[in-house]
């Protein structure tokens, strides 16, 4: 089994695992709704997908802000009429230690990673409930690299994503919505393979 011919919304799709998932899922015949804060990384990604015969549409929105997130969802629905899969990948990581971190960096990290995951899950979850079901994949913390920078805000927010995913899975099950959480491996290819396996098995 593999995921195909579905409308897939990926937040923070411009880089990292989000980008890799967009390429892989487009190659399986899915319709990709790619979100990021700007088009800087989305434009080359969409060009690569389209050059390979895939389909992707781009959406510039800040998922940490409710009105902007709701605008994103409405625009995707206007283009595709449904959302079958949501992948919450949007992330930021300040490089400051706890004693030197600015409050803005802390709040921005938590807002993008944790609040963004909640807002997207809520808004898209309502759409999925009306559709009769759907699939949500939340991305957990990446392992620290050998030359790790301070990651207190990032790890705190990602720990919240994992806890939120468990609770949301229980609450949304009655609506036939599956909520999964992936904890990426150190190796990028291993993470991509694990994510695709989770999506295909759901």
C-alpha atoms as a PDB file:
ATOM      1  CA  UNK A   1       0.000   0.000   0.000  1.00  0.00           C
ATOM      2  CA  UNK A   2       1.058   3.592  -0.562  1.00  0.00           C
ATOM      3  CA  UNK A   3      -0.520   6.989  -0.261  1.00  0.00           C
ATOM      4  CA  UNK A   4      -1.658   8.228  -3.681  1.00  0.00           C
ATOM      5  CA  UNK A   5      -4.156  10.579  -5.323  1.00  0.00           C
ATOM      6  CA  UNK A   6      -4.662  12.478  -2.047  1.00  0.00           C
ATOM      7  CA  UNK A   7      -4.562  16.170  -1.243  1.00  0.00           C
ATOM      8  CA  UNK A   8      -1.614  16.618   1.117  1.00  0.00           C
ATOM      9  CA  UNK A   9      -0.976  19.869   3.011  1.00  0.00           C
ATOM     10  CA  UNK A  10       2.577  20.238   4.350  1.00  0.00           C
ATOM     11  CA  UNK A  11       3.479  23.168   6.591  1.00  0.00           C
ATOM     12  CA  UNK A  12       7.079  24.342   6.576  1.00  0.00           C
ATOM     13  CA  UNK A  13       7.582  22.459   3.322  1.00  0.00           C
ATOM     14  CA  UNK A  14      10.488  24.485   1.991  1.00  0.00           C
ATOM     15  CA  UNK A  15      13.331  22.683   3.747  1.00  0.00           C
ATOM     16  CA  UNK A  16      14.368  19.467   5.455  1.00  0.00           C
ATOM     17  CA  UNK A  17      12.057  16.522   5.909  1.00  0.00           C
ATOM     18  CA  UNK A  18       9.061  18.569   4.757  1.00  0.00           C
ATOM     19  CA  UNK A  19      10.733  19.148   1.410  1.00  0.00           C
ATOM     20  CA  UNK A  20      11.741  15.508   1.066  1.00  0.00           C
ATOM     21  CA  UNK A  21       8.203  14.360   1.854  1.00  0.00           C
ATOM     22  CA  UNK A  22       6.770  16.780  -0.697  1.00  0.00           C
ATOM     23  CA  UNK A  23       8.986  15.343  -3.433  1.00  0.00           C
ATOM     24  CA  UNK A  24       8.264  11.742  -2.469  1.00  0.00           C
ATOM     25  CA  UNK A  25       4.501  12.160  -2.122  1.00  0.00           C
ATOM     26  CA  UNK A  26       4.231  14.128  -5.352  1.00  0.00           C
ATOM     27  CA  UNK A  27       6.070  11.274  -7.047  1.00  0.00           C
ATOM     28  CA  UNK A  28       3.362   8.910  -5.823  1.00  0.00           C
ATOM     29  CA  UNK A  29       0.666  10.876  -7.607  1.00  0.00           C
ATOM     30  CA  UNK A  30      -0.612  13.019  -4.755  1.00  0.00           C
ATOM     31  CA  UNK A  31      -1.685  16.663  -4.983  1.00  0.00           C
ATOM     32  CA  UNK A  32       0.641  18.803  -2.864  1.00  0.00           C
ATOM     33  CA  UNK A  33      -0.376  21.980  -1.022  1.00  0.00           C
ATOM     34  CA  UNK A  34       2.958  23.404   0.120  1.00  0.00           C
ATOM     35  CA  UNK A  35       3.115  26.033   2.849  1.00  0.00           C
ATOM     36  CA  UNK A  36       5.946  28.162   4.157  1.00  0.00           C
ATOM     37  CA  UNK A  37       6.421  31.678   5.455  1.00  0.00           C
ATOM     38  CA  UNK A  38       7.869  32.830   2.109  1.00  0.00           C
ATOM     39  CA  UNK A  39       8.268  31.412  -1.408  1.00  0.00           C
ATOM     40  CA  UNK A  40      12.071  31.531  -1.300  1.00  0.00           C
ATOM     41  CA  UNK A  41      12.369  27.779  -0.805  1.00  0.00           C
ATOM     42  CA  UNK A  42       8.932  26.837  -2.136  1.00  0.00           C
ATOM     43  CA  UNK A  43       9.485  28.087  -5.693  1.00  0.00           C
ATOM     44  CA  UNK A  44      12.440  25.775  -6.493  1.00  0.00           C
ATOM     45  CA  UNK A  45      10.653  22.886  -4.785  1.00  0.00           C
ATOM     46  CA  UNK A  46       7.518  23.381  -6.873  1.00  0.00           C
ATOM     47  CA  UNK A  47       9.629  23.665 -10.028  1.00  0.00           C
ATOM     48  CA  UNK A  48      11.308  20.346  -9.230  1.00  0.00           C
ATOM     49  CA  UNK A  49       7.974  18.646  -8.570  1.00  0.00           C
ATOM     50  CA  UNK A  50       6.423  19.990 -11.752  1.00  0.00           C
ATOM     51  CA  UNK A  51       9.477  19.102 -13.840  1.00  0.00           C
ATOM     52  CA  UNK A  52       9.002  15.509 -12.686  1.00  0.00           C
ATOM     53  CA  UNK A  53       5.340  15.555 -13.726  1.00  0.00           C
ATOM     54  CA  UNK A  54       3.884  16.157 -10.267  1.00  0.00           C
ATOM     55  CA  UNK A  55       1.426  18.751  -9.005  1.00  0.00           C
ATOM     56  CA  UNK A  56       2.034  21.362  -6.313  1.00  0.00           C
ATOM     57  CA  UNK A  57       0.496  24.660  -5.295  1.00  0.00           C
ATOM     58  CA  UNK A  58       2.139  27.173  -2.985  1.00  0.00           C
ATOM     59  CA  UNK A  59       0.762  29.045   0.016  1.00  0.00           C
ATOM     60  CA  UNK A  60       2.583  31.772   1.948  1.00  0.00           C
ATOM     61  CA  UNK A  61       1.133  31.830   5.452  1.00  0.00           C
ATOM     62  CA  UNK A  62       2.309  32.060   9.057  1.00  0.00           C
ATOM     63  CA  UNK A  63       0.866  28.968  10.739  1.00  0.00           C
ATOM     64  CA  UNK A  64       1.455  30.427  14.201  1.00  0.00           C
ATOM     65  CA  UNK A  65      -1.297  33.013  13.621  1.00  0.00           C
ATOM     66  CA  UNK A  66      -4.896  31.796  13.658  1.00  0.00           C
ATOM     67  CA  UNK A  67      -6.303  34.088  10.964  1.00  0.00           C
ATOM     68  CA  UNK A  68      -3.384  33.380   8.646  1.00  0.00           C
ATOM     69  CA  UNK A  69      -3.728  29.637   9.255  1.00  0.00           C
ATOM     70  CA  UNK A  70      -7.453  29.739   8.556  1.00  0.00           C
ATOM     71  CA  UNK A  71      -6.760  31.658   5.354  1.00  0.00           C
ATOM     72  CA  UNK A  72      -4.330  28.909   4.343  1.00  0.00           C
ATOM     73  CA  UNK A  73      -6.936  26.201   4.911  1.00  0.00           C
ATOM     74  CA  UNK A  74      -9.622  28.096   3.011  1.00  0.00           C
ATOM     75  CA  UNK A  75      -7.283  28.691   0.060  1.00  0.00           C
ATOM     76  CA  UNK A  76      -6.359  25.017  -0.108  1.00  0.00           C
ATOM     77  CA  UNK A  77     -10.043  24.077  -0.030  1.00  0.00           C
ATOM     78  CA  UNK A  78     -10.780  26.601  -2.771  1.00  0.00           C
ATOM     79  CA  UNK A  79      -8.119  24.957  -4.941  1.00  0.00           C
ATOM     80  CA  UNK A  80      -8.688  21.287  -4.110  1.00  0.00           C
ATOM     81  CA  UNK A  81     -12.085  21.071  -2.324  1.00  0.00           C
ATOM     82  CA  UNK A  82     -10.651  18.756   0.357  1.00  0.00           C
ATOM     83  CA  UNK A  83      -7.624  17.978   2.523  1.00  0.00           C
ATOM     84  CA  UNK A  84      -6.857  14.302   3.053  1.00  0.00           C
ATOM     85  CA  UNK A  85      -3.496  14.532   4.803  1.00  0.00           C
ATOM     86  CA  UNK A  86      -1.906  17.201   6.995  1.00  0.00           C
ATOM     87  CA  UNK A  87       1.807  17.114   7.814  1.00  0.00           C
ATOM     88  CA  UNK A  88       2.800  19.587  10.524  1.00  0.00           C
ATOM     89  CA  UNK A  89       6.466  20.268   9.794  1.00  0.00           C
ATOM     90  CA  UNK A  90       6.824  24.044  10.340  1.00  0.00           C
ATOM     91  CA  UNK A  91       9.675  24.712  12.760  1.00  0.00           C
ATOM     92  CA  UNK A  92      12.193  27.294  13.945  1.00  0.00           C
ATOM     93  CA  UNK A  93      15.161  26.935  16.267  1.00  0.00           C
ATOM     94  CA  UNK A  94      16.870  29.864  18.019  1.00  0.00           C
ATOM     95  CA  UNK A  95      20.571  29.399  18.683  1.00  0.00           C
ATOM     96  CA  UNK A  96      20.759  31.009  22.111  1.00  0.00           C
ATOM     97  CA  UNK A  97      21.284  29.384  25.535  1.00  0.00           C
ATOM     98  CA  UNK A  98      18.632  29.674  28.223  1.00  0.00           C
ATOM     99  CA  UNK A  99      20.465  32.434  30.093  1.00  0.00           C
ATOM    100  CA  UNK A 100      20.862  34.525  26.961  1.00  0.00           C
ATOM    101  CA  UNK A 101      17.617  33.835  25.118  1.00  0.00           C
ATOM    102  CA  UNK A 102      15.319  36.723  24.321  1.00  0.00           C
ATOM    103  CA  UNK A 103      11.652  36.286  25.240  1.00  0.00           C
ATOM    104  CA  UNK A 104      10.692  36.880  21.589  1.00  0.00           C
ATOM    105  CA  UNK A 105      12.815  33.912  20.461  1.00  0.00           C
ATOM    106  CA  UNK A 106      11.186  31.684  23.058  1.00  0.00           C
ATOM    107  CA  UNK A 107       7.651  32.739  22.157  1.00  0.00           C
ATOM    108  CA  UNK A 108       8.275  32.553  18.414  1.00  0.00           C
ATOM    109  CA  UNK A 109       9.653  29.010  18.709  1.00  0.00           C
ATOM    110  CA  UNK A 110       6.729  27.780  20.802  1.00  0.00           C
ATOM    111  CA  UNK A 111       4.226  29.600  18.590  1.00  0.00           C
ATOM    112  CA  UNK A 112       5.502  28.177  15.305  1.00  0.00           C
ATOM    113  CA  UNK A 113       6.120  24.618  16.489  1.00  0.00           C
ATOM    114  CA  UNK A 114       3.470  23.944  19.138  1.00  0.00           C
ATOM    115  CA  UNK A 115       0.767  26.555  18.583  1.00  0.00           C
ATOM    116  CA  UNK A 116       1.070  26.100  14.817  1.00  0.00           C
ATOM    117  CA  UNK A 117       0.560  22.360  15.201  1.00  0.00           C
ATOM    118  CA  UNK A 118      -2.506  22.938  17.365  1.00  0.00           C
ATOM    119  CA  UNK A 119      -4.043  25.545  15.054  1.00  0.00           C
ATOM    120  CA  UNK A 120      -3.476  23.458  11.924  1.00  0.00           C
ATOM    121  CA  UNK A 121      -4.764  20.298  13.578  1.00  0.00           C
ATOM    122  CA  UNK A 122      -7.873  22.118  14.791  1.00  0.00           C
ATOM    123  CA  UNK A 123      -8.723  23.859  11.514  1.00  0.00           C
ATOM    124  CA  UNK A 124      -7.877  20.966   9.214  1.00  0.00           C
ATOM    125  CA  UNK A 125      -9.355  18.493  11.683  1.00  0.00           C
ATOM    126  CA  UNK A 126     -12.727  20.203  11.381  1.00  0.00           C
ATOM    127  CA  UNK A 127     -12.522  19.860   7.604  1.00  0.00           C
ATOM    128  CA  UNK A 128     -11.569  16.195   7.907  1.00  0.00           C
ATOM    129  CA  UNK A 129     -14.412  15.508  10.339  1.00  0.00           C
ATOM    130  CA  UNK A 130     -16.893  16.846   7.781  1.00  0.00           C
ATOM    131  CA  UNK A 131     -15.230  14.745   5.063  1.00  0.00           C
ATOM    132  CA  UNK A 132     -15.524  11.591   7.135  1.00  0.00           C
ATOM    133  CA  UNK A 133     -11.879  11.172   8.087  1.00  0.00           C
ATOM    134  CA  UNK A 134      -8.271  12.032   7.408  1.00  0.00           C
ATOM    135  CA  UNK A 135      -4.673  11.633   8.479  1.00  0.00           C
ATOM    136  CA  UNK A 136      -2.424  14.012  10.440  1.00  0.00           C
ATOM    137  CA  UNK A 137       1.325  13.474  10.868  1.00  0.00           C
ATOM    138  CA  UNK A 138       3.187  15.665  13.363  1.00  0.00           C
ATOM    139  CA  UNK A 139       6.966  15.846  13.245  1.00  0.00           C
ATOM    140  CA  UNK A 140       8.801  15.479  16.564  1.00  0.00           C
ATOM    141  CA  UNK A 141      12.330  16.623  17.535  1.00  0.00           C
ATOM    142  CA  UNK A 142      15.338  15.923  15.371  1.00  0.00           C
ATOM    143  CA  UNK A 143      18.308  14.296  17.135  1.00  0.00           C
ATOM    144  CA  UNK A 144      20.978  16.777  18.139  1.00  0.00           C
ATOM    145  CA  UNK A 145      23.934  17.034  15.740  1.00  0.00           C
ATOM    146  CA  UNK A 146      27.461  16.491  17.039  1.00  0.00           C
ATOM    147  CA  UNK A 147      28.026  20.254  17.116  1.00  0.00           C
ATOM    148  CA  UNK A 148      24.699  20.871  18.834  1.00  0.00           C
ATOM    149  CA  UNK A 149      23.636  24.447  19.453  1.00  0.00           C
ATOM    150  CA  UNK A 150      21.425  25.311  22.461  1.00  0.00           C
ATOM    151  CA  UNK A 151      17.984  23.783  21.876  1.00  0.00           C
ATOM    152  CA  UNK A 152      15.918  24.404  25.020  1.00  0.00           C
ATOM    153  CA  UNK A 153      13.057  26.257  23.315  1.00  0.00           C
ATOM    154  CA  UNK A 154      13.012  23.878  20.338  1.00  0.00           C
ATOM    155  CA  UNK A 155      12.985  20.730  22.473  1.00  0.00           C
ATOM    156  CA  UNK A 156      10.357  22.110  24.852  1.00  0.00           C
ATOM    157  CA  UNK A 157       8.049  22.927  21.952  1.00  0.00           C
ATOM    158  CA  UNK A 158       8.647  19.587  20.244  1.00  0.00           C
ATOM    159  CA  UNK A 159       7.972  17.695  23.487  1.00  0.00           C
ATOM    160  CA  UNK A 160       4.664  19.524  23.549  1.00  0.00           C
ATOM    161  CA  UNK A 161       3.965  18.370  19.979  1.00  0.00           C
ATOM    162  CA  UNK A 162       4.462  14.740  20.991  1.00  0.00           C
ATOM    163  CA  UNK A 163       2.167  15.066  24.017  1.00  0.00           C
ATOM    164  CA  UNK A 164      -0.410  16.964  21.973  1.00  0.00           C
ATOM    165  CA  UNK A 165      -0.328  14.266  19.289  1.00  0.00           C
ATOM    166  CA  UNK A 166      -1.153  11.527  21.782  1.00  0.00           C
ATOM    167  CA  UNK A 167      -4.088  13.473  23.216  1.00  0.00           C
ATOM    168  CA  UNK A 168      -5.372  14.567  19.801  1.00  0.00           C
ATOM    169  CA  UNK A 169      -5.226  10.979  18.539  1.00  0.00           C
ATOM    170  CA  UNK A 170      -7.615   9.925  21.286  1.00  0.00           C
ATOM    171  CA  UNK A 171      -9.993  12.842  20.776  1.00  0.00           C
ATOM    172  CA  UNK A 172     -10.138  12.706  16.977  1.00  0.00           C
ATOM    173  CA  UNK A 173     -10.462   8.939  16.609  1.00  0.00           C
ATOM    174  CA  UNK A 174     -14.259   9.181  16.783  1.00  0.00           C
ATOM    175  CA  UNK A 175     -14.129  11.326  13.647  1.00  0.00           C
ATOM    176  CA  UNK A 176     -12.032   8.720  11.807  1.00  0.00           C
ATOM    177  CA  UNK A 177      -9.022  11.027  11.925  1.00  0.00           C
ATOM    178  CA  UNK A 178      -5.692   9.394  12.647  1.00  0.00           C
ATOM    179  CA  UNK A 179      -3.061  11.511  14.392  1.00  0.00           C
ATOM    180  CA  UNK A 180       0.492  10.183  14.235  1.00  0.00           C
ATOM    181  CA  UNK A 181       3.813  11.546  15.485  1.00  0.00           C
ATOM    182  CA  UNK A 182       7.210  10.839  13.986  1.00  0.00           C
ATOM    183  CA  UNK A 183      10.476  11.232  15.885  1.00  0.00           C
ATOM    184  CA  UNK A 184      13.063  11.644  13.110  1.00  0.00           C
ATOM    185  CA  UNK A 185      16.241   9.568  13.057  1.00  0.00           C
ATOM    186  CA  UNK A 186      19.754  10.965  12.777  1.00  0.00           C
ATOM    187  CA  UNK A 187      19.889   9.869   9.141  1.00  0.00           C
ATOM    188  CA  UNK A 188      17.734  11.911   6.775  1.00  0.00           C
ATOM    189  CA  UNK A 189      16.895   9.022   4.462  1.00  0.00           C
ATOM    190  CA  UNK A 190      15.861   6.858   7.404  1.00  0.00           C
ATOM    191  CA  UNK A 191      13.515   9.594   8.608  1.00  0.00           C
ATOM    192  CA  UNK A 192      11.934   9.924   5.178  1.00  0.00           C
ATOM    193  CA  UNK A 193      11.457   6.172   4.860  1.00  0.00           C
ATOM    194  CA  UNK A 194       9.898   5.982   8.340  1.00  0.00           C
ATOM    195  CA  UNK A 195       7.509   8.853   7.589  1.00  0.00           C
ATOM    196  CA  UNK A 196       6.395   7.314   4.299  1.00  0.00           C
ATOM    197  CA  UNK A 197       5.880   3.956   5.994  1.00  0.00           C
ATOM    198  CA  UNK A 198       3.684   5.554   8.657  1.00  0.00           C
ATOM    199  CA  UNK A 199       1.620   7.392   6.058  1.00  0.00           C
ATOM    200  CA  UNK A 200       1.204   4.355   3.834  1.00  0.00           C
ATOM    201  CA  UNK A 201       0.222   2.089   6.730  1.00  0.00           C
ATOM    202  CA  UNK A 202      -2.396   4.475   8.127  1.00  0.00           C
END
